[in-house]
Amino acid sequence: MSLSLNPLPSANLLPPMNVAPPRFDIARDLTAGFAAFYRPLHDRFTARQQERIAQRKAVLARSHEGRFPDYLPSSEATSTDWKIALPAWCQDQRNQMTGPADDAELVVKMLNSGAPGVMLDLEDSMANQWSHILLGLDNVIAALYGELTYDDAKRDATIGIKPSQTVIWTRVRGLHVSQAGVYPGEVTSASLFDLALLVYRLDFDRLKHPLCVYIPKSESAEEALWWRDLFQALATLKGRPRDEIKAMALCEAHPLAFQLEEFAFNLREHLLGLDLGRWDYMASLIDFTLLDPKWILPDRNTIPHDVPFFQNLRLLIPSIAHKHGMLAVGGMTALFPSREEPELNERALRVLAEDKKNEATCGMDGAWTGHPDQNAIAVAQFPEPNQIARYKPGFDAHPNLRPSVEGVGKRTVEGTRAAARTVIRYRNGYLNGRGANLLDGYMEDLATDRIYRLMIAQRLRHGMHSAAEVSAIFDEELAKLLAAGTEIGDAQTLRAAREIGEAMIDQGAHDPV
């Protein structure tokens, strides 16, 4: 296939929407009583979700016309002294370990790592497939009850969760994702489906702390009202106080960065913190500046962790959060330690310490990691239990969130090759049921796959490569992977992964799917 600059109207190769199995019946195939519980929620919230999706597309279109996101006028959210009461059980979140909820062994290991927080993910690190979502929800519930186990073949033992004060968070799928097959001929909000099924099945009296949700991929302050209304509707249906469900929210989209204080205000009865999801944020930033020739991104691994477009936001988030009594959490360090490769292990842990120390210096209260060996180093970089008390008023509430990338990193053909190779390898893992894959020492999930797809699209758009050159690069990188024979799955899925990755770039499919 060849790559063009003009997206085509359709493509059979694009990733399909998650769909329930053929002949699925919500009343028969899910927990008894859930069908009656869910239908009114679907009727109330899915239409609003679809409206938000349309609004997002309009904002992106305006950005591509040169009308970029900007700060909102002063309001009650930004000009009044409102605060939340941060619960005692959530004061310390110096490290939040994250991983896919469908991997029981990893979930147990994360919960036994000593990390102050663990985020069980139903989103970017997990394949968005029906069986994986339901397995992930099963594991989340068992983990919340402290009952999840896995069989350890090396020790010939069943390993369970040790009692601890670790706060468990669950990240449901974002508002941009719809779920098919629940109702014939209709789609429903995936966020709604995940959270409603989780809440319906949970016995809240068995939880050691309130149900805690991670909100991903938000793009406006208005979207916080959707989550607020859903949290309160679910709590009411369960006979719980309306502010029972607590949340943290990721800043992963460029438009939201300009509306963080307003977003937090709208969700203040539930929100405990703001998190910089930096890899998705980088992808979003490329997406919104895709047509701007001044914003051609350097090779990803030549971008320093304190690059201004991260650092300015990394300083803003703690200032906003601490002003209102909330936590601020930093992002994931993608380079993973290795117990088999001493040099890689030393480098990974050194980079981790530098990265987390920078986040602590910026005022963050904690950050994300994905490997148990990272926990102690990450925790050590942040003051205990948090830095809220160090808040100083008078911060710059409107920093430049699109500082120039001129002179940052390098733009090379090898960087494009690395991007194409990762796109193929990530999608191959996904086709084999893995939403996150350790590739060349880096843990790559949907966010980094999206960065690389957008990076290639950007370089095509602005003439760094021709369509023929990029297509040839995909050919050559696929051939190398086939010759090496080290990838999971088989040659057929690798070839399919290459075709899908190319098609997504060709057709402007830049959403996180």
Protein backbone atom coordinates (compact mmCIF):
# COMPACT_ATOMS: atom_id res chain seq x y z
CA MET A 1 0.00 0.00 0.00
CA SER A 2 1.12 3.61 -0.41
CA LEU A 3 0.79 6.49 2.01
CA SER A 4 -1.05 9.64 1.02
CA LEU A 5 -1.58 13.00 2.67
CA ASN A 6 -5.34 12.95 2.14
CA PRO A 7 -7.26 10.69 4.54
CA LEU A 8 -9.61 8.31 2.80
CA PRO A 9 -13.23 8.01 3.97
CA SER A 10 -12.96 4.41 5.14
CA ALA A 11 -10.54 1.57 5.65
CA ASN A 12 -11.16 -2.08 6.33
CA LEU A 13 -7.79 -2.27 8.03
CA LEU A 14 -8.54 0.21 10.81
CA PRO A 15 -8.91 -1.35 14.28
CA PRO A 16 -12.54 -2.43 14.83
CA MET A 17 -14.66 -1.19 17.70
CA ASN A 18 -14.83 -3.55 20.67
CA VAL A 19 -17.97 -5.61 20.16
CA ALA A 20 -19.71 -8.13 22.39
CA PRO A 21 -19.81 -11.73 21.08
CA PRO A 22 -22.46 -12.79 18.54
CA ARG A 23 -25.85 -13.50 20.10
CA PHE A 24 -24.81 -11.69 23.30
CA ASP A 25 -27.75 -10.93 25.60
CA ILE A 26 -27.17 -8.44 28.40
CA ALA A 27 -29.88 -9.94 30.61
CA ARG A 28 -28.63 -13.50 30.15
CA ASP A 29 -24.86 -13.07 29.84
CA LEU A 30 -23.95 -10.50 32.50
CA THR A 31 -24.63 -10.37 36.24
CA ALA A 32 -28.29 -10.91 37.10
CA GLY A 33 -30.15 -7.61 37.37
CA PHE A 34 -27.49 -5.58 35.56
CA ALA A 35 -29.61 -5.17 32.42
CA ALA A 36 -32.33 -3.27 34.32
CA PHE A 37 -29.68 -1.27 36.21
CA TYR A 38 -27.84 -0.29 33.04
CA ARG A 39 -30.53 0.68 30.53
CA PRO A 40 -31.56 3.98 32.21
CA LEU A 41 -27.88 4.90 32.58
CA HIS A 42 -27.24 4.18 28.90
CA ASP A 43 -30.25 6.29 27.91
CA ARG A 44 -29.05 9.18 30.06
CA PHE A 45 -25.30 9.20 29.48
CA THR A 46 -24.44 7.75 26.06
CA ALA A 47 -26.05 10.60 24.11
CA ARG A 48 -24.06 13.07 26.19
CA GLN A 49 -20.89 11.08 25.51
CA GLN A 50 -21.53 11.25 21.78
CA GLU A 51 -22.03 15.02 22.05
CA ARG A 52 -18.66 15.35 23.75
CA ILE A 53 -17.01 13.33 20.97
CA ALA A 54 -18.50 15.69 18.38
CA GLN A 55 -17.31 18.68 20.39
CA ARG A 56 -13.78 17.25 20.50
CA LYS A 57 -13.70 16.89 16.73
CA ALA A 58 -14.77 20.50 16.33
CA VAL A 59 -12.01 21.73 18.66
CA LEU A 60 -9.41 19.71 16.75
CA ALA A 61 -10.68 21.06 13.42
CA ARG A 62 -10.37 24.64 14.70
CA SER A 63 -6.83 23.93 15.84
CA HIS A 64 -5.93 22.69 12.36
CA GLU A 65 -7.24 26.01 11.06
CA GLY A 66 -4.78 27.80 13.33
CA ARG A 67 -7.18 28.54 16.20
CA PHE A 68 -5.30 26.67 18.90
CA PRO A 69 -6.62 25.86 22.39
CA ASP A 70 -6.23 28.68 24.91
CA TYR A 71 -7.08 29.57 28.49
CA LEU A 72 -10.65 30.37 29.53
CA PRO A 73 -11.78 33.71 31.03
CA SER A 74 -11.67 34.14 34.80
CA SER A 75 -14.49 32.35 36.63
CA GLU A 76 -15.54 31.04 40.02
CA ALA A 77 -13.28 28.05 39.37
CA THR A 78 -10.14 30.18 39.05
CA SER A 79 -10.88 33.24 41.20
CA THR A 80 -12.31 31.76 44.44
CA ASP A 81 -10.58 30.00 47.32
CA TRP A 82 -12.24 26.59 47.09
CA LYS A 83 -10.58 23.47 48.49
CA ILE A 84 -11.17 19.76 48.79
CA ALA A 85 -10.56 17.73 51.95
CA LEU A 86 -7.91 15.14 51.05
CA PRO A 87 -8.68 11.92 52.98
CA ALA A 88 -6.07 10.48 55.34
CA TRP A 89 -5.94 7.21 53.41
CA CYS A 90 -4.84 9.09 50.28
CA GLN A 91 -2.25 11.50 51.69
CA ASP A 92 0.69 9.46 50.40
CA GLN A 93 0.74 8.60 46.71
CA ARG A 94 4.47 8.98 46.10
CA ASN A 95 4.37 6.13 43.62
CA GLN A 96 1.42 4.71 41.75
CA MET A 97 2.33 1.45 40.07
CA THR A 98 0.30 0.82 36.93
CA GLY A 99 -0.43 -2.16 34.72
CA PRO A 100 -3.09 -4.04 32.77
CA ALA A 101 -5.95 -5.37 34.87
CA ASP A 102 -6.26 -8.57 32.84
CA ASP A 103 -2.84 -9.83 34.03
CA ALA A 104 -3.55 -11.36 37.45
CA GLU A 105 0.10 -12.13 38.18
CA LEU A 106 1.19 -8.56 37.52
CA VAL A 107 -1.72 -7.16 39.53
CA VAL A 108 -0.77 -9.25 42.56
CA LYS A 109 2.91 -8.35 42.21
CA MET A 110 2.09 -4.64 41.97
CA LEU A 111 -0.10 -4.83 45.06
CA ASN A 112 2.66 -6.65 46.94
CA SER A 113 5.36 -4.20 45.83
CA GLY A 114 4.88 -1.75 48.71
CA ALA A 115 3.78 1.03 46.35
CA PRO A 116 1.49 3.59 48.03
CA GLY A 117 -0.88 3.35 45.07
CA VAL A 118 -1.66 0.87 42.30
CA MET A 119 -3.67 1.69 39.18
CA LEU A 120 -5.39 -1.30 37.58
CA ASP A 121 -5.83 -0.42 33.93
CA LEU A 122 -8.74 -1.28 31.64
CA GLU A 123 -7.51 1.19 29.04
CA ASP A 124 -4.23 1.91 27.21
CA SER A 125 -2.12 -0.96 28.56
CA MET A 126 -4.81 -3.56 27.81
CA ALA A 127 -6.21 -4.84 24.51
CA ASN A 128 -9.62 -3.26 23.98
CA GLN A 129 -11.34 -6.58 23.39
CA TRP A 130 -14.48 -7.95 25.04
CA SER A 131 -12.90 -10.92 26.81
CA HIS A 132 -10.02 -8.81 28.13
CA ILE A 133 -12.37 -6.13 29.51
CA LEU A 134 -14.49 -8.69 31.37
CA LEU A 135 -11.42 -10.51 32.70
CA GLY A 136 -9.95 -7.19 33.78
CA LEU A 137 -13.13 -6.31 35.68
CA ASP A 138 -13.11 -9.72 37.38
CA ASN A 139 -9.51 -9.13 38.48
CA VAL A 140 -10.26 -5.61 39.70
CA ILE A 141 -13.07 -6.83 41.92
CA ALA A 142 -11.00 -9.71 43.31
CA ALA A 143 -8.10 -7.29 43.94
CA LEU A 144 -10.36 -4.78 45.71
CA TYR A 145 -11.52 -7.61 48.00
CA GLY A 146 -7.92 -8.77 48.53
CA GLU A 147 -8.75 -12.18 47.03
CA LEU A 148 -6.88 -12.21 43.69
CA THR A 149 -4.22 -14.94 43.30
CA TYR A 150 -1.95 -16.40 40.65
CA ASP A 151 -0.11 -19.71 40.33
CA ASP A 152 3.67 -19.35 40.59
CA ALA A 153 5.19 -22.27 38.68
CA LYS A 154 8.75 -21.53 39.87
CA ARG A 155 7.76 -21.75 43.53
CA ASP A 156 4.98 -24.27 42.95
CA ALA A 157 2.70 -22.05 45.03
CA THR A 158 -0.43 -19.96 44.80
CA ILE A 159 0.44 -16.33 45.54
CA GLY A 160 -2.13 -13.92 46.94
CA ILE A 161 -2.31 -10.28 47.95
CA LYS A 162 -0.64 -9.30 51.21
CA PRO A 163 -2.57 -6.93 53.50
CA SER A 164 -1.40 -3.34 53.03
CA GLN A 165 -2.53 0.28 52.95
CA THR A 166 -2.02 0.50 49.18
CA VAL A 167 -4.71 2.58 47.51
CA ILE A 168 -6.21 0.78 44.52
CA TRP A 169 -7.32 2.86 41.54
CA THR A 170 -9.19 1.57 38.48
CA ARG A 171 -8.78 3.26 35.11
CA VAL A 172 -11.82 2.68 32.91
CA ARG A 173 -11.87 3.33 29.18
CA GLY A 174 -12.10 6.98 28.14
CA LEU A 175 -14.98 9.04 26.78
CA HIS A 176 -13.61 8.73 23.25
CA VAL A 177 -14.32 4.97 23.24
CA SER A 178 -17.68 3.39 22.42
CA GLN A 179 -18.69 -0.20 23.04
CA ALA A 180 -20.70 -2.15 20.46
CA GLY A 181 -22.89 -5.20 20.83
CA VAL A 182 -24.39 -4.51 24.25
CA TYR A 183 -27.61 -3.44 22.53
CA PRO A 184 -28.38 -4.53 18.95
CA GLY A 185 -27.82 -1.70 16.50
CA GLU A 186 -26.57 0.72 19.17
CA VAL A 187 -23.28 1.73 20.72
CA THR A 188 -22.88 2.60 24.36
CA SER A 189 -20.22 4.61 26.17
CA ALA A 190 -17.30 2.34 27.10
CA SER A 191 -16.57 4.52 30.16
CA LEU A 192 -20.14 4.08 31.29
CA PHE A 193 -20.18 0.34 30.64
CA ASP A 194 -16.94 -0.34 32.52
CA LEU A 195 -17.79 1.76 35.55
CA ALA A 196 -21.45 0.75 35.76
CA LEU A 197 -20.66 -2.98 35.64
CA LEU A 198 -17.91 -2.54 38.23
CA VAL A 199 -20.14 -0.56 40.59
CA TYR A 200 -23.10 -2.89 40.16
CA ARG A 201 -21.04 -5.96 41.03
CA LEU A 202 -19.18 -4.40 43.98
CA ASP A 203 -20.12 -4.80 47.63
CA PHE A 204 -18.96 -1.39 48.85
CA ASP A 205 -18.96 -2.56 52.46
CA ARG A 206 -16.07 -4.92 51.66
CA LEU A 207 -13.75 -2.16 50.40
CA LYS A 208 -10.93 -0.85 52.58
CA HIS A 209 -11.34 2.62 51.06
CA PRO A 210 -13.91 4.27 48.76
CA LEU A 211 -13.98 3.17 45.15
CA CYS A 212 -11.25 5.14 43.35
CA VAL A 213 -11.40 5.77 39.61
CA TYR A 214 -8.78 7.14 37.22
CA ILE A 215 -10.37 9.33 34.52
CA PRO A 216 -8.45 9.19 31.21
CA LYS A 217 -8.36 11.22 28.00
CA SER A 218 -10.52 14.20 29.07
CA GLU A 219 -10.40 17.18 26.72
CA SER A 220 -12.50 19.90 28.38
CA ALA A 221 -13.78 21.16 31.72
CA GLU A 222 -17.30 20.43 30.53
CA GLU A 223 -16.51 16.72 30.40
CA ALA A 224 -15.97 16.74 34.17
CA LEU A 225 -19.71 17.31 34.54
CA TRP A 226 -20.39 14.05 32.70
CA TRP A 227 -18.20 12.17 35.17
CA ARG A 228 -19.64 14.03 38.16
CA ASP A 229 -23.20 13.19 37.16
CA LEU A 230 -22.28 9.56 36.50
CA PHE A 231 -20.48 9.13 39.83
CA GLN A 232 -23.44 10.57 41.68
CA ALA A 233 -26.03 8.56 39.74
CA LEU A 234 -24.17 5.32 40.42
CA ALA A 235 -23.72 6.09 44.12
CA THR A 236 -27.40 6.91 44.47
CA LEU A 237 -28.41 3.67 42.75
CA LYS A 238 -26.21 1.76 45.22
CA GLY A 239 -27.70 3.60 48.19
CA ARG A 240 -24.39 5.31 48.99
CA PRO A 241 -23.58 8.98 49.66
CA ARG A 242 -23.47 10.88 46.40
CA ASP A 243 -19.79 11.77 46.83
CA GLU A 244 -18.82 8.16 47.59
CA ILE A 245 -16.80 7.58 44.41
CA LYS A 246 -13.41 9.31 44.35
CA ALA A 247 -11.21 10.01 41.37
CA MET A 248 -7.96 11.23 39.92
CA ALA A 249 -7.91 12.75 36.45
CA LEU A 250 -5.21 12.50 33.82
CA CYS A 251 -4.17 15.49 31.76
CA GLU A 252 -3.47 13.67 28.51
CA ALA A 253 -4.94 16.08 25.98
CA HIS A 254 -3.62 19.48 24.92
CA PRO A 255 -6.98 21.32 25.21
CA LEU A 256 -7.52 20.13 28.78
CA ALA A 257 -4.20 21.63 29.87
CA PHE A 258 -5.80 25.07 29.43
CA GLN A 259 -8.88 24.13 31.50
CA LEU A 260 -7.46 22.10 34.38
CA GLU A 261 -8.65 24.37 37.17
CA GLU A 262 -12.14 24.56 35.72
CA PHE A 263 -12.19 20.77 35.25
CA ALA A 264 -11.17 20.24 38.88
CA PHE A 265 -13.79 22.69 40.10
CA ASN A 266 -16.55 20.89 38.22
CA LEU A 267 -15.50 17.58 39.78
CA ARG A 268 -14.49 18.90 43.22
CA GLU A 269 -16.84 16.63 45.21
CA HIS A 270 -14.95 13.61 43.88
CA LEU A 271 -11.52 14.67 42.65
CA LEU A 272 -8.42 13.94 44.76
CA GLY A 273 -5.69 14.76 42.28
CA LEU A 274 -4.43 15.65 38.80
CA ASP A 275 -1.96 13.53 36.86
CA LEU A 276 0.23 14.43 33.90
CA GLY A 277 -0.12 11.53 31.45
CA ARG A 278 2.81 12.78 29.48
CA TRP A 279 3.05 10.26 26.63
CA ASP A 280 -0.58 10.66 25.64
CA TYR A 281 -0.14 14.40 26.16
CA MET A 282 2.77 14.41 23.72
CA ALA A 283 0.65 12.56 21.17
CA SER A 284 -2.20 15.01 21.65
CA LEU A 285 0.13 17.97 21.29
CA ILE A 286 1.36 16.62 17.94
CA ASP A 287 -2.23 15.99 16.86
CA PHE A 288 -3.35 19.55 17.59
CA THR A 289 -0.26 21.10 15.96
CA LEU A 290 -0.11 18.61 13.08
CA LEU A 291 -0.36 21.26 10.37
CA ASP A 292 2.14 23.67 11.97
CA PRO A 293 5.59 23.37 10.30
CA LYS A 294 7.22 24.80 13.45
CA TRP A 295 6.12 21.78 15.45
CA ILE A 296 7.81 18.82 13.78
CA LEU A 297 8.64 16.55 16.71
CA PRO A 298 12.21 15.29 17.17
CA ASP A 299 12.93 11.57 17.51
CA ARG A 300 11.16 10.58 20.71
CA ASN A 301 14.17 9.21 22.56
CA THR A 302 16.22 12.37 21.89
CA ILE A 303 13.70 14.56 23.73
CA PRO A 304 14.91 15.38 27.27
CA HIS A 305 12.53 14.66 30.13
CA ASP A 306 12.57 18.36 31.09
CA VAL A 307 11.72 19.65 27.60
CA PRO A 308 9.76 22.95 27.99
CA PHE A 309 6.46 21.67 26.58
CA PHE A 310 6.44 19.09 29.40
CA GLN A 311 8.14 21.21 32.03
CA ASN A 312 5.80 24.18 31.80
CA LEU A 313 2.82 21.90 32.30
CA ARG A 314 4.69 19.90 34.94
CA LEU A 315 5.01 23.12 36.96
CA LEU A 316 1.44 24.22 36.34
CA ILE A 317 -0.30 21.01 37.47
CA PRO A 318 1.07 20.98 41.05
CA SER A 319 0.34 24.68 41.44
CA ILE A 320 -3.31 24.21 40.49
CA ALA A 321 -3.69 20.99 42.46
CA HIS A 322 -2.05 22.30 45.64
CA LYS A 323 -3.98 25.56 45.50
CA HIS A 324 -7.11 23.48 46.01
CA GLY A 325 -5.76 20.82 48.38
CA MET A 326 -5.35 18.08 45.78
CA LEU A 327 -2.45 15.82 44.88
CA ALA A 328 -0.34 16.21 41.74
CA VAL A 329 1.07 13.05 40.17
CA GLY A 330 3.70 12.79 37.45
CA GLY A 331 4.02 10.44 34.53
CA MET A 332 5.42 7.05 33.60
CA THR A 333 9.13 6.47 33.04
CA ALA A 334 9.08 4.23 29.99
CA LEU A 335 12.60 2.74 30.27
CA PHE A 336 12.21 -0.45 32.32
CA PRO A 337 14.77 -2.22 34.53
CA SER A 338 16.02 -5.69 33.57
CA ARG A 339 17.14 -8.41 35.98
CA GLU A 340 18.93 -10.16 33.08
CA GLU A 341 20.89 -7.18 31.66
CA PRO A 342 22.95 -5.34 34.32
CA GLU A 343 23.89 -2.41 32.08
CA LEU A 344 20.28 -1.78 31.02
CA ASN A 345 19.16 -2.20 34.62
CA GLU A 346 21.66 0.37 35.90
CA ARG A 347 20.72 2.85 33.19
CA ALA A 348 16.98 2.35 33.71
CA LEU A 349 17.15 2.92 37.46
CA ARG A 350 19.44 5.94 37.05
CA VAL A 351 17.06 7.50 34.49
CA LEU A 352 14.16 6.72 36.81
CA ALA A 353 15.76 8.54 39.74
CA GLU A 354 16.61 11.58 37.60
CA ASP A 355 13.14 11.71 36.10
CA LYS A 356 11.28 11.40 39.40
CA LYS A 357 13.59 13.89 41.13
CA ASN A 358 12.78 16.40 38.40
CA GLU A 359 9.06 15.82 38.96
CA ALA A 360 9.49 16.24 42.71
CA THR A 361 11.41 19.48 42.15
CA CYS A 362 8.51 20.72 40.02
CA GLY A 363 6.19 20.12 42.97
CA MET A 364 4.69 16.76 42.11
CA ASP A 365 3.63 14.53 45.01
CA GLY A 366 4.37 11.26 43.24
CA ALA A 367 4.55 9.61 39.85
CA TRP A 368 3.86 6.42 37.95
CA THR A 369 6.01 3.32 37.51
CA GLY A 370 5.26 -0.05 35.96
CA HIS A 371 7.81 -2.45 37.49
CA PRO A 372 8.11 -3.50 41.16
CA ASP A 373 11.87 -2.86 41.10
CA GLN A 374 11.15 0.83 40.45
CA ASN A 375 9.03 1.43 43.54
CA ALA A 376 11.64 2.13 46.22
CA ILE A 377 13.63 4.52 44.00
CA ALA A 378 10.51 6.38 42.89
CA VAL A 379 9.16 6.77 46.43
CA ALA A 380 12.53 8.04 47.67
CA GLN A 381 12.48 11.03 45.31
CA PHE A 382 9.34 12.62 46.80
CA PRO A 383 8.83 14.25 50.23
CA GLU A 384 6.59 12.24 52.56
CA PRO A 385 3.60 12.23 52.42
CA ASN A 386 3.14 15.01 49.83
CA GLN A 387 4.06 18.63 49.01
CA ILE A 388 0.66 20.30 49.35
CA ALA A 389 1.76 22.36 52.36
CA ARG A 390 4.56 23.92 50.31
CA TYR A 391 2.09 25.65 48.02
CA LYS A 392 2.81 29.30 47.36
CA PRO A 393 0.20 31.59 45.75
CA GLY A 394 1.04 33.87 42.87
CA PHE A 395 2.11 31.19 40.39
CA ASP A 396 1.90 31.76 36.65
CA ALA A 397 -1.55 30.39 35.87
CA HIS A 398 -1.15 30.91 32.11
CA PRO A 399 2.28 29.60 31.05
CA ASN A 400 3.15 28.99 27.42
CA LEU A 401 2.03 25.43 26.74
CA ARG A 402 3.25 25.42 23.14
CA PRO A 403 6.86 26.57 23.49
CA SER A 404 8.99 26.08 20.41
CA VAL A 405 10.65 22.72 19.83
CA GLU A 406 13.34 24.37 17.72
CA GLY A 407 16.74 23.00 18.73
CA VAL A 408 15.27 20.17 20.81
CA GLY A 409 16.56 16.68 20.01
CA LYS A 410 17.22 15.34 16.52
CA ARG A 411 15.06 14.54 13.50
CA THR A 412 16.57 11.59 11.71
CA VAL A 413 15.66 8.83 9.28
CA GLU A 414 16.70 6.37 11.98
CA GLY A 415 14.14 7.99 14.26
CA THR A 416 11.47 7.41 11.62
CA ARG A 417 12.63 3.81 11.26
CA ALA A 418 12.40 3.30 15.01
CA ALA A 419 8.90 4.75 14.93
CA ALA A 420 7.76 2.43 12.12
CA ARG A 421 9.33 -0.57 13.83
CA THR A 422 7.57 0.23 17.12
CA VAL A 423 4.23 0.77 15.35
CA ILE A 424 4.52 -2.69 13.78
CA ARG A 425 5.69 -4.39 16.97
CA TYR A 426 3.11 -2.72 19.20
CA ARG A 427 0.21 -3.58 16.89
CA ASN A 428 1.51 -7.15 16.58
CA GLY A 429 1.41 -7.46 20.35
CA TYR A 430 -2.08 -6.00 20.38
CA LEU A 431 -3.27 -8.52 17.78
CA ASN A 432 -1.96 -11.18 20.14
CA GLY A 433 -3.94 -9.80 23.07
CA ARG A 434 -1.33 -7.55 24.68
CA GLY A 435 -2.06 -3.88 25.20
CA ALA A 436 1.44 -3.14 26.52
CA ASN A 437 4.73 -4.58 25.30
CA LEU A 438 8.33 -4.30 26.48
CA LEU A 439 10.21 -3.29 23.34
CA ASP A 440 13.95 -2.55 23.34
CA GLY A 441 13.85 -1.83 27.07
CA TYR A 442 10.88 0.54 26.85
CA MET A 443 7.37 -0.32 27.98
CA GLU A 444 5.26 0.74 25.03
CA ASP A 445 1.48 1.03 25.29
CA LEU A 446 -1.17 2.69 23.16
CA ALA A 447 0.12 6.16 24.05
CA THR A 448 3.58 5.57 22.62
CA ASP A 449 2.17 3.76 19.59
CA ARG A 450 0.05 6.86 18.97
CA ILE A 451 3.07 9.16 19.35
CA TYR A 452 4.94 7.24 16.68
CA ARG A 453 1.99 7.12 14.26
CA LEU A 454 1.51 10.85 14.63
CA MET A 455 5.24 11.52 14.33
CA ILE A 456 5.37 9.71 11.00
CA ALA A 457 2.21 11.49 9.79
CA GLN A 458 3.75 14.82 10.76
CA ARG A 459 6.98 14.10 8.91
CA LEU A 460 5.01 13.10 5.85
CA ARG A 461 2.84 16.20 6.07
CA HIS A 462 5.81 18.56 6.15
CA GLY A 463 7.99 16.87 3.55
CA MET A 464 10.68 15.28 5.70
CA HIS A 465 9.81 12.03 3.91
CA SER A 466 7.80 11.16 0.84
CA ALA A 467 4.96 8.66 1.01
CA ALA A 468 7.07 6.20 -1.01
CA GLU A 469 9.99 6.55 1.42
CA VAL A 470 7.79 5.87 4.44
CA SER A 471 6.19 2.89 2.75
CA ALA A 472 9.65 1.53 1.95
CA ILE A 473 10.70 2.02 5.57
CA PHE A 474 7.70 -0.04 6.68
CA ASP A 475 8.68 -2.74 4.16
CA GLU A 476 12.26 -2.84 5.38
CA GLU A 477 11.44 -2.83 9.10
CA LEU A 478 8.87 -5.58 8.61
CA ALA A 479 11.44 -7.66 6.73
CA LYS A 480 13.94 -7.27 9.59
CA LEU A 481 11.36 -8.34 12.16
CA LEU A 482 10.35 -11.36 10.08
CA ALA A 483 13.99 -12.36 9.61
CA ALA A 484 14.73 -12.03 13.33
CA GLY A 485 11.82 -14.29 14.24
CA THR A 486 11.76 -13.04 17.83
CA GLU A 487 8.34 -11.40 17.94
CA ILE A 488 5.33 -12.93 19.62
CA GLY A 489 2.67 -14.43 17.37
CA ASP A 490 3.49 -15.42 13.81
CA ALA A 491 4.42 -13.90 10.47
CA GLN A 492 0.77 -13.42 9.58
CA THR A 493 0.05 -11.14 12.55
CA LEU A 494 3.27 -9.20 11.96
CA ARG A 495 2.24 -8.53 8.37
CA ALA A 496 -1.26 -7.56 9.51
CA ALA A 497 0.24 -5.26 12.15
CA ARG A 498 2.31 -3.49 9.51
CA GLU A 499 -0.73 -3.05 7.24
CA ILE A 500 -2.90 -1.72 10.08
CA GLY A 501 -0.23 0.69 11.33
CA GLU A 502 0.32 2.03 7.82
CA ALA A 503 -3.42 2.36 7.20
CA MET A 504 -3.93 4.34 10.42
CA ILE A 505 -1.26 6.83 9.38
CA ASP A 506 -2.51 6.96 5.79
CA GLN A 507 -6.07 7.71 6.80
CA GLY A 508 -5.46 10.15 9.62
CA ALA A 509 -6.70 7.74 12.29
CA HIS A 510 -4.91 9.49 15.12
CA ASP A 511 -7.33 8.81 17.96
CA PRO A 512 -6.03 6.52 20.74
CA VAL A 513 -7.46 3.21 19.48
